Protein backbone atom coordinates (compact mmCIF):
# COMPACT_ATOMS: atom_id res chain seq x y z
CA MET A 1 45.37 102.56 -36.77
CA SER A 2 42.73 104.63 -35.02
CA GLU A 3 39.87 103.12 -33.09
CA ARG A 4 36.50 103.54 -34.78
CA THR A 5 33.81 105.35 -32.86
CA ASP A 6 30.48 103.95 -31.73
CA LYS A 7 28.79 106.24 -34.24
CA ALA A 8 30.89 104.86 -37.12
CA ARG A 9 30.06 101.31 -36.06
CA LEU A 10 26.35 102.12 -35.76
CA ILE A 11 26.45 103.58 -39.27
CA ASP A 12 28.14 100.38 -40.52
CA MET A 13 25.44 98.31 -38.85
CA LEU A 14 22.67 100.44 -40.31
CA ALA A 15 24.14 100.34 -43.82
CA ALA A 16 24.41 96.55 -43.70
CA ALA A 17 20.88 96.23 -42.30
CA GLU A 18 19.42 98.50 -44.97
CA ARG A 19 21.18 96.52 -47.70
CA ILE A 20 19.70 93.30 -46.31
CA VAL A 21 16.22 94.81 -46.25
CA ALA A 22 16.54 96.19 -49.79
CA GLY A 23 18.07 92.96 -51.12
CA LEU A 24 15.29 90.80 -49.75
CA GLN A 25 12.40 93.04 -50.82
CA GLY A 26 9.91 90.72 -52.47
CA VAL A 27 12.10 87.63 -51.98
CA ASP A 28 10.20 84.79 -50.37
CA GLU A 29 11.85 81.99 -48.45
CA GLU A 30 11.86 79.50 -51.32
CA SER A 31 13.49 82.01 -53.69
CA PHE A 32 16.07 82.82 -51.02
CA LEU A 33 16.90 79.15 -50.53
CA VAL A 34 17.80 78.63 -54.19
CA ASP A 35 19.71 81.91 -54.64
CA MET A 36 23.14 81.27 -53.12
CA ASP A 37 24.39 84.76 -54.00
CA LYS A 38 21.46 86.31 -52.13
CA ARG A 39 22.07 83.98 -49.19
CA ASP A 40 25.81 84.66 -49.13
CA SER A 41 25.40 88.44 -49.30
CA THR A 42 22.84 88.31 -46.50
CA VAL A 43 25.13 86.21 -44.30
CA LEU A 44 28.06 88.56 -44.94
CA ARG A 45 25.98 91.57 -43.97
CA LEU A 46 24.73 89.82 -40.82
CA GLN A 47 28.36 89.12 -39.98
CA ILE A 48 29.23 92.81 -40.47
CA ILE A 49 26.36 93.81 -38.18
CA GLY A 50 27.54 91.37 -35.52
CA GLU A 51 31.18 92.40 -35.72
CA ALA A 52 30.31 96.08 -35.39
CA ALA A 53 27.94 95.32 -32.49
CA TYR A 54 30.71 93.43 -30.71
CA HIS A 55 32.83 96.59 -30.68
CA ILE A 56 30.12 99.01 -29.54
CA SER A 57 31.01 100.37 -26.10
CA ASP A 58 29.37 98.84 -23.05
CA GLY A 59 28.11 102.28 -22.11
CA LEU A 60 26.14 102.67 -25.32
CA LYS A 61 24.85 99.11 -25.10
CA SER A 62 23.55 99.76 -21.59
CA GLN A 63 21.86 102.95 -22.81
CA TYR A 64 19.93 100.94 -25.39
CA PRO A 65 19.04 97.60 -23.81
CA GLU A 66 16.14 97.15 -26.24
CA VAL A 67 18.72 96.29 -28.92
CA GLU A 68 19.56 92.61 -28.62
CA TRP A 69 23.32 93.19 -28.65
CA PHE A 70 24.18 89.75 -27.23
CA LYS A 71 22.07 87.88 -29.79
CA ILE A 72 23.49 89.97 -32.63
CA GLN A 73 27.02 89.18 -31.48
CA GLY A 74 26.09 85.52 -31.02
CA LEU A 75 24.86 85.26 -34.60
CA ARG A 76 28.15 86.70 -35.83
CA HIS A 77 29.99 84.12 -33.76
CA LYS A 78 27.91 81.31 -35.26
CA ILE A 79 28.47 82.61 -38.80
CA VAL A 80 32.23 82.78 -38.31
CA HIS A 81 32.86 79.69 -36.20
CA ASP A 82 29.95 77.36 -36.96
CA TYR A 83 29.35 78.35 -40.59
CA TYR A 84 28.78 74.70 -41.54
CA ALA A 85 25.79 74.55 -39.20
CA LEU A 86 23.97 77.61 -40.56
CA ASP A 87 20.38 76.94 -41.51
CA ASP A 88 19.31 78.96 -44.54
CA ARG A 89 15.68 79.08 -43.42
CA THR A 90 16.77 80.56 -40.09
CA ILE A 91 18.99 83.10 -41.86
CA HIS A 92 16.03 84.16 -44.01
CA HIS A 93 13.78 84.41 -40.95
CA ILE A 94 16.31 86.57 -39.09
CA ALA A 95 16.88 88.78 -42.11
CA VAL A 96 13.19 89.32 -42.82
CA ASP A 97 11.77 89.47 -39.29
CA TYR A 98 14.54 90.92 -37.13
CA VAL A 99 16.71 93.08 -39.35
CA PRO A 100 14.06 95.68 -40.35
CA PRO A 101 13.22 96.53 -36.71
CA LEU A 102 16.95 96.59 -35.91
CA ALA A 103 17.48 99.13 -38.69
CA GLU A 104 14.78 101.34 -37.13
CA GLN A 105 16.41 101.05 -33.69
CA LEU A 106 19.80 101.97 -35.14
CA LYS A 107 18.35 105.01 -36.93
CA LYS A 108 16.88 106.26 -33.65
CA ILE A 109 20.17 105.81 -31.79
CA ILE A 110 22.11 107.64 -34.52
CA GLU A 111 19.51 110.42 -34.71
CA ALA A 112 19.65 110.84 -30.94
CA GLY A 113 23.28 111.82 -31.40
CA GLU A 114 24.41 110.08 -28.24
CA ALA A 115 26.97 107.92 -30.02
């Protein structure tokens, strides 16, 4: 099995982020809280983002310190290991307030071609 490149992982992160943004377009918090499929798909995509971020090289992470790599990885850890303690309101907040700017950061890194 070959090791995936930073660029491939960034593309995975961006795809998951864009799907979160598109899936939550026009979805307020209360609607999110009662739609378990929407919640579950959002959590899965946040997990994908975190897993890919975990495997990004330290060199690339240090080139882009504005990306909150540690927090992204920490959320993945919480999803996987403390899933029972996830707060749906917090998940919605992260998805709506933090994922769109992350998607923009990822686009810029990919476009810069340094990965």
